[in-house]
Amino acid sequence: MTFGALAGNEGSASGWKRYENPRLPVTYNRLPGAPTNLGTTPATSCATSGTLPVINDTAPTLSWRVADPYGGNMIGNLDVVEVGGSGIHWDMPDVTGVSPATFTKTVLSDSTGQRQNV
């Protein structure tokens, strides 16, 4: 990002200004808290190892809650990764809400009808 201070007429000496100690104060925001209230519809247990649960549905809905300590608008991003795989299997389009927000998104099975471990 670039900032500039320009005169109304850059071709005129009367528009010239000198700044002894220019400053640009910046106020920034903090990261939101970690997602909570993770869930699925139909409801299923959650596991990261051992026997992984299977959702017997071709279009399960995932839900999660995010809160920002400052409130305001938020973007809920969800990446679906293949268990034991490498990288993102599906990058969900962002959804927006006002903090605190509960986001939901339906995950459709792929064209081969394969199960998706989420």
PDB file of N, CA and C in Angstrom:
ATOM      1  N   MET A   1       0.842  -1.145   0.000  1.00  0.00           N
ATOM      2  CA  MET A   1       0.000   0.000   0.000  1.00  0.00           C
ATOM      3  C   MET A   1       0.901   1.226   0.000  1.00  0.00           C
ATOM      4  N   THR A   2       0.569   2.203  -0.801  1.00  0.00           N
ATOM      5  CA  THR A   2       1.350   3.437  -0.896  1.00  0.00           C
ATOM      6  C   THR A   2       0.467   4.620  -0.549  1.00  0.00           C
ATOM      7  N   PHE A   3       0.996   5.517   0.241  1.00  0.00           N
ATOM      8  CA  PHE A   3       0.292   6.745   0.593  1.00  0.00           C
ATOM      9  C   PHE A   3       1.088   7.920   0.065  1.00  0.00           C
ATOM     10  N   GLY A   4       0.404   8.983  -0.314  1.00  0.00           N
ATOM     11  CA  GLY A   4       1.090  10.173  -0.791  1.00  0.00           C
ATOM     12  C   GLY A   4       0.350  11.419  -0.363  1.00  0.00           C
ATOM     13  N   ALA A   5       1.085  12.514  -0.241  1.00  0.00           N
ATOM     14  CA  ALA A   5       0.497  13.820   0.048  1.00  0.00           C
ATOM     15  C   ALA A   5       0.772  14.689  -1.167  1.00  0.00           C
ATOM     16  N   LEU A   6      -0.275  15.080  -1.858  1.00  0.00           N
ATOM     17  CA  LEU A   6      -0.137  15.852  -3.079  1.00  0.00           C
ATOM     18  C   LEU A   6      -0.786  17.214  -2.920  1.00  0.00           C
ATOM     19  N   ALA A   7      -0.208  18.193  -3.605  1.00  0.00           N
ATOM     20  CA  ALA A   7      -0.806  19.523  -3.645  1.00  0.00           C
ATOM     21  C   ALA A   7      -1.968  19.513  -4.635  1.00  0.00           C
ATOM     22  N   GLY A   8      -2.857  20.473  -4.477  1.00  0.00           N
ATOM     23  CA  GLY A   8      -3.961  20.602  -5.424  1.00  0.00           C
ATOM     24  C   GLY A   8      -3.463  20.831  -6.837  1.00  0.00           C
ATOM     25  N   ASN A   9      -2.316  21.524  -6.978  1.00  0.00           N
ATOM     26  CA  ASN A   9      -1.705  21.769  -8.269  1.00  0.00           C
ATOM     27  C   ASN A   9      -0.219  21.472  -8.124  1.00  0.00           C
ATOM     28  N   GLU A  10       0.206  20.314  -8.554  1.00  0.00           N
ATOM     29  CA  GLU A  10       1.605  19.903  -8.418  1.00  0.00           C
ATOM     30  C   GLU A  10       2.544  20.728  -9.290  1.00  0.00           C
ATOM     31  N   GLY A  11       2.036  21.476 -10.253  1.00  0.00           N
ATOM     32  CA  GLY A  11       2.859  22.287 -11.125  1.00  0.00           C
ATOM     33  C   GLY A  11       3.121  23.688 -10.578  1.00  0.00           C
ATOM     34  N   SER A  12       2.533  24.024  -9.424  1.00  0.00           N
ATOM     35  CA  SER A  12       2.668  25.364  -8.845  1.00  0.00           C
ATOM     36  C   SER A  12       3.532  25.310  -7.588  1.00  0.00           C
ATOM     37  N   ALA A  13       4.451  26.277  -7.451  1.00  0.00           N
ATOM     38  CA  ALA A  13       5.293  26.351  -6.249  1.00  0.00           C
ATOM     39  C   ALA A  13       4.482  26.707  -5.018  1.00  0.00           C
ATOM     40  N   SER A  14       3.320  27.316  -5.194  1.00  0.00           N
ATOM     41  CA  SER A  14       2.504  27.695  -4.032  1.00  0.00           C
ATOM     42  C   SER A  14       1.866  26.480  -3.353  1.00  0.00           C
ATOM     43  N   GLY A  15       1.844  25.369  -4.041  1.00  0.00           N
ATOM     44  CA  GLY A  15       1.280  24.153  -3.454  1.00  0.00           C
ATOM     45  C   GLY A  15       2.306  23.294  -2.741  1.00  0.00           C
ATOM     46  N   TRP A  16       3.573  23.712  -2.763  1.00  0.00           N
ATOM     47  CA  TRP A  16       4.645  22.927  -2.177  1.00  0.00           C
ATOM     48  C   TRP A  16       4.576  22.983  -0.649  1.00  0.00           C
ATOM     49  N   LYS A  17       4.748  21.845   0.016  1.00  0.00           N
ATOM     50  CA  LYS A  17       4.725  21.768   1.484  1.00  0.00           C
ATOM     51  C   LYS A  17       5.929  20.974   1.956  1.00  0.00           C
ATOM     52  N   ARG A  18       6.395  21.304   3.139  1.00  0.00           N
ATOM     53  CA  ARG A  18       7.488  20.558   3.754  1.00  0.00           C
ATOM     54  C   ARG A  18       6.977  19.967   5.061  1.00  0.00           C
ATOM     55  N   TYR A  19       7.291  18.697   5.296  1.00  0.00           N
ATOM     56  CA  TYR A  19       6.856  17.997   6.501  1.00  0.00           C
ATOM     57  C   TYR A  19       8.094  17.653   7.310  1.00  0.00           C
ATOM     58  N   GLU A  20       8.194  18.206   8.531  1.00  0.00           N
ATOM     59  CA  GLU A  20       9.362  17.977   9.377  1.00  0.00           C
ATOM     60  C   GLU A  20       9.404  16.550   9.922  1.00  0.00           C
ATOM     61  N   ASN A  21       8.342  16.118  10.517  1.00  0.00           N
ATOM     62  CA  ASN A  21       8.285  14.781  11.119  1.00  0.00           C
ATOM     63  C   ASN A  21       6.973  14.101  10.727  1.00  0.00           C
ATOM     64  N   PRO A  22       6.854  13.682   9.480  1.00  0.00           N
ATOM     65  CA  PRO A  22       5.588  13.067   9.072  1.00  0.00           C
ATOM     66  C   PRO A  22       5.375  11.739   9.789  1.00  0.00           C
ATOM     67  N   ARG A  23       4.148  11.480  10.159  1.00  0.00           N
ATOM     68  CA  ARG A  23       3.769  10.221  10.806  1.00  0.00           C
ATOM     69  C   ARG A  23       2.451   9.748  10.228  1.00  0.00           C
ATOM     70  N   LEU A  24       2.295   8.462  10.205  1.00  0.00           N
ATOM     71  CA  LEU A  24       1.042   7.862   9.786  1.00  0.00           C
ATOM     72  C   LEU A  24       0.657   6.844  10.854  1.00  0.00           C
ATOM     73  N   PRO A  25      -0.214   7.254  11.799  1.00  0.00           N
ATOM     74  CA  PRO A  25      -0.627   6.295  12.830  1.00  0.00           C
ATOM     75  C   PRO A  25      -1.475   5.182  12.210  1.00  0.00           C
ATOM     76  N   VAL A  26      -1.219   3.967  12.641  1.00  0.00           N
ATOM     77  CA  VAL A  26      -1.961   2.815  12.133  1.00  0.00           C
ATOM     78  C   VAL A  26      -2.584   2.085  13.310  1.00  0.00           C
ATOM     79  N   THR A  27      -3.876   1.865  13.230  1.00  0.00           N
ATOM     80  CA  THR A  27      -4.584   1.068  14.229  1.00  0.00           C
ATOM     81  C   THR A  27      -4.942  -0.254  13.569  1.00  0.00           C
ATOM     82  N   TYR A  28      -4.546  -1.336  14.177  1.00  0.00           N
ATOM     83  CA  TYR A  28      -4.836  -2.629  13.577  1.00  0.00           C
ATOM     84  C   TYR A  28      -5.677  -3.480  14.514  1.00  0.00           C
ATOM     85  N   ASN A  29      -6.264  -4.492  13.951  1.00  0.00           N
ATOM     86  CA  ASN A  29      -7.171  -5.369  14.648  1.00  0.00           C
ATOM     87  C   ASN A  29      -6.448  -6.647  15.066  1.00  0.00           C
ATOM     88  N   ARG A  30      -6.977  -7.335  16.051  1.00  0.00           N
ATOM     89  CA  ARG A  30      -6.426  -8.625  16.477  1.00  0.00           C
ATOM     90  C   ARG A  30      -7.133  -9.756  15.733  1.00  0.00           C
ATOM     91  N   LEU A  31      -6.496 -10.920  15.743  1.00  0.00           N
ATOM     92  CA  LEU A  31      -7.119 -12.104  15.159  1.00  0.00           C
ATOM     93  C   LEU A  31      -8.331 -12.510  15.984  1.00  0.00           C
ATOM     94  N   PRO A  32      -9.339 -13.081  15.352  1.00  0.00           N
ATOM     95  CA  PRO A  32     -10.471 -13.586  16.124  1.00  0.00           C
ATOM     96  C   PRO A  32     -10.057 -14.809  16.928  1.00  0.00           C
ATOM     97  N   GLY A  33     -10.896 -15.211  17.863  1.00  0.00           N
ATOM     98  CA  GLY A  33     -10.619 -16.407  18.646  1.00  0.00           C
ATOM     99  C   GLY A  33     -10.715 -17.655  17.784  1.00  0.00           C
ATOM    100  N   ALA A  34     -10.214 -18.764  18.296  1.00  0.00           N
ATOM    101  CA  ALA A  34     -10.302 -20.049  17.590  1.00  0.00           C
ATOM    102  C   ALA A  34     -11.770 -20.447  17.460  1.00  0.00           C
ATOM    103  N   PRO A  35     -12.128 -21.152  16.394  1.00  0.00           N
ATOM    104  CA  PRO A  35     -13.522 -21.579  16.220  1.00  0.00           C
ATOM    105  C   PRO A  35     -13.978 -22.466  17.376  1.00  0.00           C
ATOM    106  N   THR A  36     -15.235 -22.326  17.746  1.00  0.00           N
ATOM    107  CA  THR A  36     -15.840 -23.161  18.787  1.00  0.00           C
ATOM    108  C   THR A  36     -17.149 -23.735  18.248  1.00  0.00           C
ATOM    109  N   ASN A  37     -17.785 -24.573  19.046  1.00  0.00           N
ATOM    110  CA  ASN A  37     -19.085 -25.163  18.691  1.00  0.00           C
ATOM    111  C   ASN A  37     -19.057 -25.799  17.303  1.00  0.00           C
ATOM    112  N   LEU A  38     -17.997 -26.563  17.028  1.00  0.00           N
ATOM    113  CA  LEU A  38     -17.907 -27.256  15.746  1.00  0.00           C
ATOM    114  C   LEU A  38     -18.970 -28.335  15.703  1.00  0.00           C
ATOM    115  N   GLY A  39     -19.653 -28.452  14.575  1.00  0.00           N
ATOM    116  CA  GLY A  39     -20.710 -29.449  14.500  1.00  0.00           C
ATOM    117  C   GLY A  39     -21.026 -29.867  13.085  1.00  0.00           C
ATOM    118  N   THR A  40     -21.810 -30.931  12.988  1.00  0.00           N
ATOM    119  CA  THR A  40     -22.273 -31.434  11.692  1.00  0.00           C
ATOM    120  C   THR A  40     -23.761 -31.722  11.772  1.00  0.00           C
ATOM    121  N   THR A  41     -24.412 -31.670  10.632  1.00  0.00           N
ATOM    122  CA  THR A  41     -25.799 -32.125  10.499  1.00  0.00           C
ATOM    123  C   THR A  41     -25.834 -33.050   9.296  1.00  0.00           C
ATOM    124  N   PRO A  42     -26.168 -34.326   9.479  1.00  0.00           N
ATOM    125  CA  PRO A  42     -26.566 -34.962  10.721  1.00  0.00           C
ATOM    126  C   PRO A  42     -25.415 -35.003  11.728  1.00  0.00           C
ATOM    127  N   ALA A  43     -25.781 -35.013  13.018  1.00  0.00           N
ATOM    128  CA  ALA A  43     -24.800 -34.961  14.100  1.00  0.00           C
ATOM    129  C   ALA A  43     -23.909 -36.204  14.087  1.00  0.00           C
ATOM    130  N   THR A  44     -22.628 -35.993  14.352  1.00  0.00           N
ATOM    131  CA  THR A  44     -21.671 -37.087  14.449  1.00  0.00           C
ATOM    132  C   THR A  44     -20.581 -36.700  15.432  1.00  0.00           C
ATOM    133  N   SER A  45     -19.834 -37.696  15.891  1.00  0.00           N
ATOM    134  CA  SER A  45     -18.738 -37.405  16.815  1.00  0.00           C
ATOM    135  C   SER A  45     -17.560 -36.839  16.039  1.00  0.00           C
ATOM    136  N   CYS A  46     -16.572 -36.337  16.762  1.00  0.00           N
ATOM    137  CA  CYS A  46     -15.390 -35.761  16.136  1.00  0.00           C
ATOM    138  C   CYS A  46     -14.168 -36.543  16.589  1.00  0.00           C
ATOM    139  N   ALA A  47     -13.254 -36.832  15.668  1.00  0.00           N
ATOM    140  CA  ALA A  47     -12.030 -37.549  16.001  1.00  0.00           C
ATOM    141  C   ALA A  47     -10.938 -37.140  15.021  1.00  0.00           C
ATOM    142  N   THR A  48      -9.705 -37.180  15.481  1.00  0.00           N
ATOM    143  CA  THR A  48      -8.575 -36.877  14.602  1.00  0.00           C
ATOM    144  C   THR A  48      -7.648 -38.080  14.447  1.00  0.00           C
ATOM    145  N   SER A  49      -7.940 -39.155  15.152  1.00  0.00           N
ATOM    146  CA  SER A  49      -7.136 -40.370  15.021  1.00  0.00           C
ATOM    147  C   SER A  49      -8.006 -41.559  15.373  1.00  0.00           C
ATOM    148  N   GLY A  50      -7.448 -42.750  15.177  1.00  0.00           N
ATOM    149  CA  GLY A  50      -8.199 -43.961  15.460  1.00  0.00           C
ATOM    150  C   GLY A  50      -9.305 -44.165  14.431  1.00  0.00           C
ATOM    151  N   THR A  51     -10.432 -44.702  14.857  1.00  0.00           N
ATOM    152  CA  THR A  51     -11.558 -44.902  13.958  1.00  0.00           C
ATOM    153  C   THR A  51     -12.258 -43.576  13.730  1.00  0.00           C
ATOM    154  N   LEU A  52     -12.235 -43.127  12.502  1.00  0.00           N
ATOM    155  CA  LEU A  52     -12.831 -41.840  12.175  1.00  0.00           C
ATOM    156  C   LEU A  52     -14.318 -41.998  11.883  1.00  0.00           C
ATOM    157  N   PRO A  53     -15.134 -41.067  12.341  1.00  0.00           N
ATOM    158  CA  PRO A  53     -16.568 -41.165  12.091  1.00  0.00           C
ATOM    159  C   PRO A  53     -16.884 -40.939  10.612  1.00  0.00           C
ATOM    160  N   VAL A  54     -17.983 -41.514  10.177  1.00  0.00           N
ATOM    161  CA  VAL A  54     -18.447 -41.349   8.807  1.00  0.00           C
ATOM    162  C   VAL A  54     -19.828 -40.724   8.859  1.00  0.00           C
ATOM    163  N   ILE A  55     -20.043 -39.710   8.047  1.00  0.00           N
ATOM    164  CA  ILE A  55     -21.364 -39.097   7.946  1.00  0.00           C
ATOM    165  C   ILE A  55     -22.044 -39.739   6.747  1.00  0.00           C
ATOM    166  N   ASN A  56     -23.107 -40.457   6.997  1.00  0.00           N
ATOM    167  CA  ASN A  56     -23.808 -41.173   5.934  1.00  0.00           C
ATOM    168  C   ASN A  56     -24.825 -40.233   5.287  1.00  0.00           C
ATOM    169  N   ASP A  57     -24.310 -39.234   4.586  1.00  0.00           N
ATOM    170  CA  ASP A  57     -25.168 -38.238   3.963  1.00  0.00           C
ATOM    171  C   ASP A  57     -24.412 -37.658   2.777  1.00  0.00           C
ATOM    172  N   THR A  58     -25.076 -37.443   1.672  1.00  0.00           N
ATOM    173  CA  THR A  58     -24.384 -36.914   0.500  1.00  0.00           C
ATOM    174  C   THR A  58     -24.195 -35.405   0.571  1.00  0.00           C
ATOM    175  N   ALA A  59     -24.841 -34.742   1.529  1.00  0.00           N
ATOM    176  CA  ALA A  59     -24.701 -33.287   1.656  1.00  0.00           C
ATOM    177  C   ALA A  59     -24.758 -32.871   3.125  1.00  0.00           C
ATOM    178  N   PRO A  60     -23.740 -33.265   3.916  1.00  0.00           N
ATOM    179  CA  PRO A  60     -23.750 -32.863   5.325  1.00  0.00           C
ATOM    180  C   PRO A  60     -23.510 -31.360   5.458  1.00  0.00           C
ATOM    181  N   THR A  61     -24.022 -30.793   6.537  1.00  0.00           N
ATOM    182  CA  THR A  61     -23.809 -29.380   6.829  1.00  0.00           C
ATOM    183  C   THR A  61     -22.820 -29.262   7.976  1.00  0.00           C
ATOM    184  N   LEU A  62     -21.808 -28.432   7.789  1.00  0.00           N
ATOM    185  CA  LEU A  62     -20.813 -28.180   8.820  1.00  0.00           C
ATOM    186  C   LEU A  62     -21.121 -26.833   9.452  1.00  0.00           C
ATOM    187  N   SER A  63     -20.878 -26.714  10.747  1.00  0.00           N
ATOM    188  CA  SER A  63     -21.118 -25.429  11.411  1.00  0.00           C
ATOM    189  C   SER A  63     -19.990 -25.144  12.391  1.00  0.00           C
ATOM    190  N   TRP A  64     -19.726 -23.841  12.596  1.00  0.00           N
ATOM    191  CA  TRP A  64     -18.700 -23.408  13.528  1.00  0.00           C
ATOM    192  C   TRP A  64     -19.004 -21.982  13.945  1.00  0.00           C
ATOM    193  N   ARG A  65     -18.554 -21.629  15.133  1.00  0.00           N
ATOM    194  CA  ARG A  65     -18.803 -20.293  15.675  1.00  0.00           C
ATOM    195  C   ARG A  65     -17.473 -19.574  15.851  1.00  0.00           C
ATOM    196  N   VAL A  66     -17.431 -18.295  15.452  1.00  0.00           N
ATOM    197  CA  VAL A  66     -16.224 -17.487  15.564  1.00  0.00           C
ATOM    198  C   VAL A  66     -16.612 -16.154  16.194  1.00  0.00           C
ATOM    199  N   ALA A  67     -15.757 -15.672  17.096  1.00  0.00           N
ATOM    200  CA  ALA A  67     -15.992 -14.375  17.734  1.00  0.00           C
ATOM    201  C   ALA A  67     -14.727 -13.535  17.648  1.00  0.00           C
ATOM    202  N   ASP A  68     -14.923 -12.249  17.409  1.00  0.00           N
ATOM    203  CA  ASP A  68     -13.829 -11.288  17.356  1.00  0.00           C
ATOM    204  C   ASP A  68     -13.929 -10.417  18.598  1.00  0.00           C
ATOM    205  N   PRO A  69     -12.831 -10.220  19.342  1.00  0.00           N
ATOM    206  CA  PRO A  69     -12.909  -9.424  20.560  1.00  0.00           C
ATOM    207  C   PRO A  69     -13.389  -7.994  20.324  1.00  0.00           C
ATOM    208  N   TYR A  70     -13.254  -7.483  19.099  1.00  0.00           N
ATOM    209  CA  TYR A  70     -13.698  -6.132  18.786  1.00  0.00           C
ATOM    210  C   TYR A  70     -15.087  -6.089  18.157  1.00  0.00           C
ATOM    211  N   GLY A  71     -15.680  -7.253  17.868  1.00  0.00           N
ATOM    212  CA  GLY A  71     -16.975  -7.284  17.204  1.00  0.00           C
ATOM    213  C   GLY A  71     -16.821  -6.940  15.735  1.00  0.00           C
ATOM    214  N   GLY A  72     -17.898  -6.578  15.106  1.00  0.00           N
ATOM    215  CA  GLY A  72     -17.842  -6.164  13.705  1.00  0.00           C
ATOM    216  C   GLY A  72     -18.001  -7.315  12.735  1.00  0.00           C
ATOM    217  N   ASN A  73     -17.772  -7.013  11.469  1.00  0.00           N
ATOM    218  CA  ASN A  73     -17.939  -7.995  10.405  1.00  0.00           C
ATOM    219  C   ASN A  73     -16.812  -9.013  10.419  1.00  0.00           C
ATOM    220  N   MET A  74     -17.144 -10.246  10.029  1.00  0.00           N
ATOM    221  CA  MET A  74     -16.172 -11.336   9.997  1.00  0.00           C
ATOM    222  C   MET A  74     -16.360 -12.150   8.728  1.00  0.00           C
ATOM    223  N   ILE A  75     -15.307 -12.847   8.358  1.00  0.00           N
ATOM    224  CA  ILE A  75     -15.376 -13.798   7.252  1.00  0.00           C
ATOM    225  C   ILE A  75     -15.091 -15.169   7.834  1.00  0.00           C
ATOM    226  N   GLY A  76     -15.990 -16.113   7.585  1.00  0.00           N
ATOM    227  CA  GLY A  76     -15.800 -17.483   8.050  1.00  0.00           C
ATOM    228  C   GLY A  76     -15.259 -18.326   6.912  1.00  0.00           C
ATOM    229  N   ASN A  77     -14.020 -18.795   7.045  1.00  0.00           N
ATOM    230  CA  ASN A  77     -13.396 -19.599   6.008  1.00  0.00           C
ATOM    231  C   ASN A  77     -13.235 -21.017   6.524  1.00  0.00           C
ATOM    232  N   LEU A  78     -13.536 -21.972   5.684  1.00  0.00           N
ATOM    233  CA  LEU A  78     -13.410 -23.382   6.060  1.00  0.00           C
ATOM    234  C   LEU A  78     -12.681 -24.113   4.952  1.00  0.00           C
ATOM    235  N   ASP A  79     -11.615 -24.807   5.303  1.00  0.00           N
ATOM    236  CA  ASP A  79     -10.899 -25.642   4.349  1.00  0.00           C
ATOM    237  C   ASP A  79     -11.123 -27.092   4.741  1.00  0.00           C
ATOM    238  N   VAL A  80     -11.511 -27.911   3.787  1.00  0.00           N
ATOM    239  CA  VAL A  80     -11.702 -29.339   4.024  1.00  0.00           C
ATOM    240  C   VAL A  80     -10.435 -30.039   3.577  1.00  0.00           C
ATOM    241  N   VAL A  81      -9.832 -30.800   4.496  1.00  0.00           N
ATOM    242  CA  VAL A  81      -8.611 -31.527   4.171  1.00  0.00           C
ATOM    243  C   VAL A  81      -8.887 -33.016   4.239  1.00  0.00           C
ATOM    244  N   GLU A  82      -8.206 -33.756   3.396  1.00  0.00           N
ATOM    245  CA  GLU A  82      -8.356 -35.201   3.380  1.00  0.00           C
ATOM    246  C   GLU A  82      -7.549 -35.789   4.525  1.00  0.00           C
ATOM    247  N   VAL A  83      -8.175 -36.619   5.334  1.00  0.00           N
ATOM    248  CA  VAL A  83      -7.481 -37.229   6.460  1.00  0.00           C
ATOM    249  C   VAL A  83      -6.351 -38.101   5.934  1.00  0.00           C
ATOM    250  N   GLY A  84      -5.144 -37.851   6.439  1.00  0.00           N
ATOM    251  CA  GLY A  84      -3.988 -38.620   6.002  1.00  0.00           C
ATOM    252  C   GLY A  84      -3.430 -38.145   4.667  1.00  0.00           C
ATOM    253  N   GLY A  85      -4.098 -37.197   4.050  1.00  0.00           N
ATOM    254  CA  GLY A  85      -3.634 -36.684   2.764  1.00  0.00           C
ATOM    255  C   GLY A  85      -2.755 -35.470   2.961  1.00  0.00           C
ATOM    256  N   SER A  86      -2.463 -34.834   1.869  1.00  0.00           N
ATOM    257  CA  SER A  86      -1.632 -33.637   1.960  1.00  0.00           C
ATOM    258  C   SER A  86      -2.364 -32.478   1.300  1.00  0.00           C
ATOM    259  N   GLY A  87      -2.470 -31.404   2.012  1.00  0.00           N
ATOM    260  CA  GLY A  87      -3.052 -30.196   1.445  1.00  0.00           C
ATOM    261  C   GLY A  87      -4.560 -30.124   1.551  1.00  0.00           C
ATOM    262  N   ILE A  88      -5.083 -29.061   0.979  1.00  0.00           N
ATOM    263  CA  ILE A  88      -6.517 -28.778   1.033  1.00  0.00           C
ATOM    264  C   ILE A  88      -7.244 -29.605  -0.017  1.00  0.00           C
ATOM    265  N   HIS A  89      -8.287 -30.310   0.405  1.00  0.00           N
ATOM    266  CA  HIS A  89      -9.102 -31.118  -0.489  1.00  0.00           C
ATOM    267  C   HIS A  89     -10.185 -30.248  -1.133  1.00  0.00           C
ATOM    268  N   TRP A  90     -10.706 -29.303  -0.358  1.00  0.00           N
ATOM    269  CA  TRP A  90     -11.753 -28.417  -0.854  1.00  0.00           C
ATOM    270  C   TRP A  90     -11.683 -27.109  -0.087  1.00  0.00           C
ATOM    271  N   ASP A  91     -11.592 -25.994  -0.783  1.00  0.00           N
ATOM    272  CA  ASP A  91     -11.542 -24.680  -0.164  1.00  0.00           C
ATOM    273  C   ASP A  91     -12.915 -24.051  -0.309  1.00  0.00           C
ATOM    274  N   MET A  92     -13.626 -23.992   0.800  1.00  0.00           N
ATOM    275  CA  MET A  92     -14.985 -23.484   0.787  1.00  0.00           C
ATOM    276  C   MET A  92     -15.005 -21.992   0.496  1.00  0.00           C
ATOM    277  N   PRO A  93     -15.916 -21.526  -0.341  1.00  0.00           N
ATOM    278  CA  PRO A  93     -16.048 -20.073  -0.525  1.00  0.00           C
ATOM    279  C   PRO A  93     -16.372 -19.411   0.816  1.00  0.00           C
ATOM    280  N   ASP A  94     -15.805 -18.240   1.039  1.00  0.00           N
ATOM    281  CA  ASP A  94     -15.995 -17.528   2.296  1.00  0.00           C
ATOM    282  C   ASP A  94     -17.458 -17.153   2.516  1.00  0.00           C
ATOM    283  N   VAL A  95     -17.862 -17.145   3.782  1.00  0.00           N
ATOM    284  CA  VAL A  95     -19.181 -16.647   4.173  1.00  0.00           C
ATOM    285  C   VAL A  95     -18.941 -15.511   5.163  1.00  0.00           C
ATOM    286  N   THR A  96     -19.864 -14.580   5.253  1.00  0.00           N
ATOM    287  CA  THR A  96     -19.676 -13.422   6.119  1.00  0.00           C
ATOM    288  C   THR A  96     -20.752 -13.360   7.190  1.00  0.00           C
ATOM    289  N   GLY A  97     -20.438 -12.686   8.281  1.00  0.00           N
ATOM    290  CA  GLY A  97     -21.380 -12.501   9.374  1.00  0.00           C
ATOM    291  C   GLY A  97     -20.852 -11.446  10.325  1.00  0.00           C
ATOM    292  N   VAL A  98     -21.660 -11.109  11.323  1.00  0.00           N
ATOM    293  CA  VAL A  98     -21.284 -10.130  12.330  1.00  0.00           C
ATOM    294  C   VAL A  98     -20.922 -10.874  13.611  1.00  0.00           C
ATOM    295  N   SER A  99     -19.790 -10.520  14.218  1.00  0.00           N
ATOM    296  CA  SER A  99     -19.286 -11.205  15.408  1.00  0.00           C
ATOM    297  C   SER A  99     -20.187 -10.956  16.618  1.00  0.00           C
ATOM    298  N   PRO A 100     -20.409 -12.003  17.441  1.00  0.00           N
ATOM    299  CA  PRO A 100     -20.024 -13.396  17.223  1.00  0.00           C
ATOM    300  C   PRO A 100     -20.956 -14.022  16.196  1.00  0.00           C
ATOM    301  N   ALA A 101     -20.408 -14.880  15.354  1.00  0.00           N
ATOM    302  CA  ALA A 101     -21.194 -15.437  14.261  1.00  0.00           C
ATOM    303  C   ALA A 101     -21.067 -16.949  14.219  1.00  0.00           C
ATOM    304  N   THR A 102     -22.181 -17.598  13.930  1.00  0.00           N
ATOM    305  CA  THR A 102     -22.178 -19.034  13.667  1.00  0.00           C
ATOM    306  C   THR A 102     -22.330 -19.203  12.167  1.00  0.00           C
ATOM    307  N   PHE A 103     -21.366 -19.868  11.552  1.00  0.00           N
ATOM    308  CA  PHE A 103     -21.370 -20.088  10.115  1.00  0.00           C
ATOM    309  C   PHE A 103     -21.786 -21.518   9.825  1.00  0.00           C
ATOM    310  N   THR A 104     -22.464 -21.731   8.722  1.00  0.00           N
ATOM    311  CA  THR A 104     -22.827 -23.084   8.280  1.00  0.00           C
ATOM    312  C   THR A 104     -22.546 -23.188   6.786  1.00  0.00           C
ATOM    313  N   LYS A 105     -22.169 -24.387   6.377  1.00  0.00           N
ATOM    314  CA  LYS A 105     -21.932 -24.623   4.962  1.00  0.00           C
ATOM    315  C   LYS A 105     -22.183 -26.088   4.657  1.00  0.00           C
ATOM    316  N   THR A 106     -22.879 -26.339   3.565  1.00  0.00           N
ATOM    317  CA  THR A 106     -23.150 -27.698   3.126  1.00  0.00           C
ATOM    318  C   THR A 106     -22.013 -28.170   2.230  1.00  0.00           C
ATOM    319  N   VAL A 107     -21.524 -29.379   2.507  1.00  0.00           N
ATOM    320  CA  VAL A 107     -20.446 -29.984   1.724  1.00  0.00           C
ATOM    321  C   VAL A 107     -21.067 -31.073   0.858  1.00  0.00           C
ATOM    322  N   LEU A 108     -21.004 -30.894  -0.443  1.00  0.00           N
ATOM    323  CA  LEU A 108     -21.563 -31.893  -1.353  1.00  0.00           C
ATOM    324  C   LEU A 108     -20.520 -32.959  -1.643  1.00  0.00           C
ATOM    325  N   SER A 109     -20.986 -34.204  -1.829  1.00  0.00           N
ATOM    326  CA  SER A 109     -20.039 -35.266  -2.180  1.00  0.00           C
ATOM    327  C   SER A 109     -19.513 -34.993  -3.579  1.00  0.00           C
ATOM    328  N   ASP A 110     -18.343 -35.566  -3.885  1.00  0.00           N
ATOM    329  CA  ASP A 110     -17.780 -35.318  -5.213  1.00  0.00           C
ATOM    330  C   ASP A 110     -18.567 -36.095  -6.269  1.00  0.00           C
ATOM    331  N   SER A 111     -18.237 -35.890  -7.522  1.00  0.00           N
ATOM    332  CA  SER A 111     -19.010 -36.464  -8.625  1.00  0.00           C
ATOM    333  C   SER A 111     -18.964 -37.982  -8.664  1.00  0.00           C
ATOM    334  N   THR A 112     -17.993 -38.616  -7.992  1.00  0.00           N
ATOM    335  CA  THR A 112     -17.908 -40.069  -7.985  1.00  0.00           C
ATOM    336  C   THR A 112     -18.711 -40.657  -6.833  1.00  0.00           C
ATOM    337  N   GLY A 113     -19.250 -39.803  -5.958  1.00  0.00           N
ATOM    338  CA  GLY A 113     -20.020 -40.292  -4.826  1.00  0.00           C
ATOM    339  C   GLY A 113     -19.165 -40.813  -3.705  1.00  0.00           C
ATOM    340  N   GLN A 114     -17.855 -40.543  -3.741  1.00  0.00           N
ATOM    341  CA  GLN A 114     -16.967 -41.032  -2.701  1.00  0.00           C
ATOM    342  C   GLN A 114     -17.256 -40.329  -1.375  1.00  0.00           C
ATOM    343  N   ARG A 115     -16.999 -41.045  -0.298  1.00  0.00           N
ATOM    344  CA  ARG A 115     -17.146 -40.445   1.022  1.00  0.00           C
ATOM    345  C   ARG A 115     -16.049 -39.427   1.244  1.00  0.00           C
ATOM    346  N   GLN A 116     -16.378 -38.400   1.954  1.00  0.00           N
ATOM    347  CA  GLN A 116     -15.402 -37.374   2.291  1.00  0.00           C
ATOM    348  C   GLN A 116     -15.165 -37.424   3.795  1.00  0.00           C
ATOM    349  N   ASN A 117     -13.934 -37.661   4.215  1.00  0.00           N
ATOM    350  CA  ASN A 117     -13.584 -37.588   5.630  1.00  0.00           C
ATOM    351  C   ASN A 117     -13.277 -36.134   5.949  1.00  0.00           C
ATOM    352  N   VAL A 118     -14.015 -35.548   6.851  1.00  0.00           N
ATOM    353  CA  VAL A 118     -13.844 -34.132   7.159  1.00  0.00           C
ATOM    354  C   VAL A 118     -13.438 -33.994   8.603  1.00  0.00           C
TER     355      VAL A 118
END
